[in-house]
C-alpha cells in the first residue's frame, strides 16, 4: 500500500507490544511509528468509507478500533 503517495509501497506492521509502524517496503526503514500501549489484534486495509482510497483499521485487544487515512 502506498501510504505517503510517493509511488512506492510501504509495509504496515502491528506488534503485540502495541506498536504500529509504517515502513518502506524497499529497505524496511521506519517512516512513522505510533505507540498504542495496547496489543494490536488485527489490521485491516480497505476502502472503509467508500472514498476511493484505502484506510487502515487497527483492532486492539481491549476492543478499541482506531482508523487512519
N, C-alpha and C. Protein backbone atom coordinates (compact mmCIF):
# COMPACT_ATOMS: atom_id res chain seq x y z
N UNK A 1 0.84 -1.17 0.00
CA UNK A 1 0.00 0.00 0.00
C UNK A 1 0.89 1.24 0.00
N UNK A 2 0.65 2.16 -0.89
CA UNK A 2 1.41 3.40 -0.96
C UNK A 2 0.78 4.42 -0.02
N UNK A 3 1.25 4.47 1.20
CA UNK A 3 0.66 5.30 2.25
C UNK A 3 0.93 6.78 2.03
N UNK A 4 2.13 7.12 1.61
CA UNK A 4 2.51 8.53 1.51
C UNK A 4 2.55 9.07 0.08
N UNK A 5 1.95 8.33 -0.85
CA UNK A 5 1.82 8.76 -2.25
C UNK A 5 3.15 9.12 -2.91
N UNK A 6 4.19 8.32 -2.61
CA UNK A 6 5.49 8.56 -3.23
C UNK A 6 5.76 7.61 -4.39
N UNK A 7 4.75 6.80 -4.73
CA UNK A 7 4.91 5.86 -5.84
C UNK A 7 5.53 4.53 -5.44
N UNK A 8 5.87 4.37 -4.15
CA UNK A 8 6.45 3.13 -3.65
C UNK A 8 5.59 2.60 -2.51
N UNK A 9 5.45 1.28 -2.46
CA UNK A 9 4.63 0.66 -1.41
C UNK A 9 5.33 0.69 -0.07
N UNK A 10 4.52 0.79 0.97
CA UNK A 10 5.01 0.71 2.33
C UNK A 10 4.40 -0.51 3.01
N UNK A 11 5.05 -0.98 4.07
CA UNK A 11 4.54 -2.08 4.88
C UNK A 11 3.89 -1.51 6.13
N UNK A 12 2.75 -2.05 6.49
CA UNK A 12 2.06 -1.66 7.72
C UNK A 12 2.27 -2.81 8.71
N UNK A 13 2.88 -2.52 9.85
CA UNK A 13 3.22 -3.55 10.84
C UNK A 13 2.54 -3.23 12.16
N UNK A 14 1.82 -4.20 12.70
CA UNK A 14 1.21 -4.07 14.02
C UNK A 14 1.83 -5.11 14.94
N UNK A 15 2.30 -4.68 16.10
CA UNK A 15 3.03 -5.56 17.01
C UNK A 15 2.22 -5.82 18.27
N UNK A 16 2.50 -6.94 18.92
CA UNK A 16 1.81 -7.30 20.16
C UNK A 16 2.14 -6.32 21.29
N UNK A 17 3.18 -5.53 21.11
CA UNK A 17 3.56 -4.52 22.10
C UNK A 17 2.70 -3.27 22.00
N UNK A 18 1.87 -3.19 20.96
CA UNK A 18 1.04 -2.01 20.74
C UNK A 18 1.67 -1.01 19.80
N UNK A 19 2.78 -1.39 19.19
CA UNK A 19 3.45 -0.51 18.26
C UNK A 19 2.85 -0.69 16.86
N UNK A 20 2.52 0.41 16.20
CA UNK A 20 2.07 0.41 14.82
C UNK A 20 3.14 1.13 14.01
N UNK A 21 3.68 0.45 13.00
CA UNK A 21 4.75 1.04 12.21
C UNK A 21 4.39 1.04 10.72
N UNK A 22 4.84 2.10 10.06
CA UNK A 22 4.80 2.15 8.60
C UNK A 22 6.25 2.16 8.16
N UNK A 23 6.60 1.18 7.30
CA UNK A 23 7.99 1.01 6.88
C UNK A 23 8.09 1.04 5.35
N UNK A 24 9.21 1.49 4.86
CA UNK A 24 9.47 1.42 3.42
C UNK A 24 9.61 -0.04 3.03
N UNK A 25 8.89 -0.46 2.00
CA UNK A 25 8.95 -1.85 1.55
C UNK A 25 10.33 -2.19 1.01
N UNK A 26 10.97 -1.24 0.37
CA UNK A 26 12.23 -1.50 -0.32
C UNK A 26 13.39 -1.81 0.63
N UNK A 27 13.40 -1.17 1.84
CA UNK A 27 14.54 -1.40 2.74
C UNK A 27 14.15 -1.57 4.22
N UNK A 28 12.87 -1.44 4.55
CA UNK A 28 12.42 -1.65 5.92
C UNK A 28 12.57 -0.45 6.84
N UNK A 29 13.07 0.68 6.33
CA UNK A 29 13.22 1.87 7.16
C UNK A 29 11.85 2.31 7.70
N UNK A 30 11.82 2.74 8.94
CA UNK A 30 10.58 3.21 9.57
C UNK A 30 10.27 4.62 9.09
N UNK A 31 9.05 4.81 8.56
CA UNK A 31 8.58 6.13 8.14
C UNK A 31 7.82 6.79 9.28
N UNK A 32 6.98 5.99 9.94
CA UNK A 32 6.19 6.51 11.06
C UNK A 32 5.97 5.39 12.06
N UNK A 33 5.91 5.78 13.33
CA UNK A 33 5.69 4.80 14.40
C UNK A 33 4.75 5.42 15.42
N UNK A 34 3.74 4.63 15.82
CA UNK A 34 2.76 5.08 16.81
C UNK A 34 2.74 4.06 17.94
N UNK A 35 2.81 4.53 19.18
CA UNK A 35 2.72 3.67 20.36
C UNK A 35 1.29 3.69 20.88
N UNK A 36 0.59 2.57 20.79
CA UNK A 36 -0.79 2.49 21.25
C UNK A 36 -0.91 1.92 22.66
N UNK A 37 0.14 1.29 23.16
CA UNK A 37 0.22 0.73 24.52
C UNK A 37 -0.83 -0.33 24.81
N UNK A 38 -1.46 -0.87 23.79
CA UNK A 38 -2.39 -1.99 23.90
C UNK A 38 -2.08 -2.93 22.75
N UNK A 39 -2.11 -4.23 23.00
CA UNK A 39 -1.78 -5.21 21.97
C UNK A 39 -2.68 -5.04 20.75
N UNK A 40 -2.07 -5.05 19.58
CA UNK A 40 -2.80 -4.97 18.32
C UNK A 40 -3.22 -6.38 17.93
N UNK A 41 -4.52 -6.59 17.74
CA UNK A 41 -5.05 -7.90 17.40
C UNK A 41 -5.11 -8.12 15.90
N UNK A 42 -5.46 -7.06 15.16
CA UNK A 42 -5.65 -7.22 13.72
C UNK A 42 -5.55 -5.87 13.04
N UNK A 43 -5.03 -5.88 11.81
CA UNK A 43 -5.02 -4.71 10.94
C UNK A 43 -5.83 -5.03 9.70
N UNK A 44 -6.66 -4.09 9.28
CA UNK A 44 -7.43 -4.24 8.05
C UNK A 44 -7.14 -3.02 7.19
N UNK A 45 -6.79 -3.26 5.93
CA UNK A 45 -6.53 -2.19 4.99
C UNK A 45 -7.55 -2.33 3.86
N UNK A 46 -8.45 -1.34 3.77
CA UNK A 46 -9.53 -1.40 2.78
C UNK A 46 -10.14 -0.01 2.64
N UNK A 47 -10.96 0.16 1.62
CA UNK A 47 -11.72 1.39 1.46
C UNK A 47 -12.95 1.28 2.36
N UNK A 48 -12.80 1.71 3.59
CA UNK A 48 -13.83 1.51 4.61
C UNK A 48 -14.96 2.54 4.54
N UNK A 49 -14.72 3.67 3.90
CA UNK A 49 -15.74 4.72 3.85
C UNK A 49 -16.16 5.09 2.43
N UNK A 50 -15.87 4.20 1.48
CA UNK A 50 -16.24 4.39 0.06
C UNK A 50 -15.72 5.70 -0.53
N UNK A 51 -14.52 6.08 -0.14
CA UNK A 51 -13.91 7.32 -0.64
C UNK A 51 -13.07 7.09 -1.89
N UNK A 52 -12.83 5.82 -2.22
CA UNK A 52 -11.93 5.51 -3.33
C UNK A 52 -10.49 5.37 -2.89
N UNK A 53 -10.20 5.61 -1.61
CA UNK A 53 -8.86 5.47 -1.04
C UNK A 53 -8.91 4.46 0.09
N UNK A 54 -7.80 3.76 0.29
CA UNK A 54 -7.74 2.76 1.35
C UNK A 54 -7.43 3.42 2.69
N UNK A 55 -8.03 2.89 3.74
CA UNK A 55 -7.77 3.32 5.10
C UNK A 55 -7.24 2.12 5.88
N UNK A 56 -6.68 2.42 7.05
CA UNK A 56 -6.17 1.38 7.95
C UNK A 56 -7.05 1.35 9.19
N UNK A 57 -7.59 0.18 9.50
CA UNK A 57 -8.33 -0.01 10.75
C UNK A 57 -7.47 -0.90 11.64
N UNK A 58 -7.22 -0.43 12.84
CA UNK A 58 -6.38 -1.13 13.79
C UNK A 58 -7.27 -1.60 14.95
N UNK A 59 -7.39 -2.92 15.09
CA UNK A 59 -8.22 -3.51 16.14
C UNK A 59 -7.32 -3.88 17.32
N UNK A 60 -7.67 -3.36 18.49
CA UNK A 60 -6.86 -3.57 19.68
C UNK A 60 -7.47 -4.64 20.57
N UNK A 61 -6.63 -5.23 21.40
CA UNK A 61 -7.04 -6.32 22.29
C UNK A 61 -8.15 -5.89 23.26
N UNK A 62 -8.19 -4.62 23.62
CA UNK A 62 -9.19 -4.13 24.57
C UNK A 62 -10.54 -3.81 23.91
N UNK A 63 -10.68 -4.10 22.61
CA UNK A 63 -11.94 -3.87 21.90
C UNK A 63 -12.00 -2.57 21.13
N UNK A 64 -11.03 -1.69 21.33
CA UNK A 64 -11.00 -0.42 20.60
C UNK A 64 -10.67 -0.66 19.14
N UNK A 65 -11.21 0.22 18.27
CA UNK A 65 -10.86 0.22 16.86
C UNK A 65 -10.42 1.64 16.53
N UNK A 66 -9.23 1.75 15.95
CA UNK A 66 -8.69 3.06 15.58
C UNK A 66 -8.50 3.07 14.07
N UNK A 67 -8.94 4.14 13.43
CA UNK A 67 -8.82 4.25 11.98
C UNK A 67 -7.84 5.33 11.58
N UNK A 68 -7.13 5.08 10.47
CA UNK A 68 -6.17 6.03 9.92
C UNK A 68 -6.40 6.16 8.42
N UNK A 69 -6.30 7.38 7.91
CA UNK A 69 -6.39 7.59 6.47
C UNK A 69 -5.01 7.82 5.91
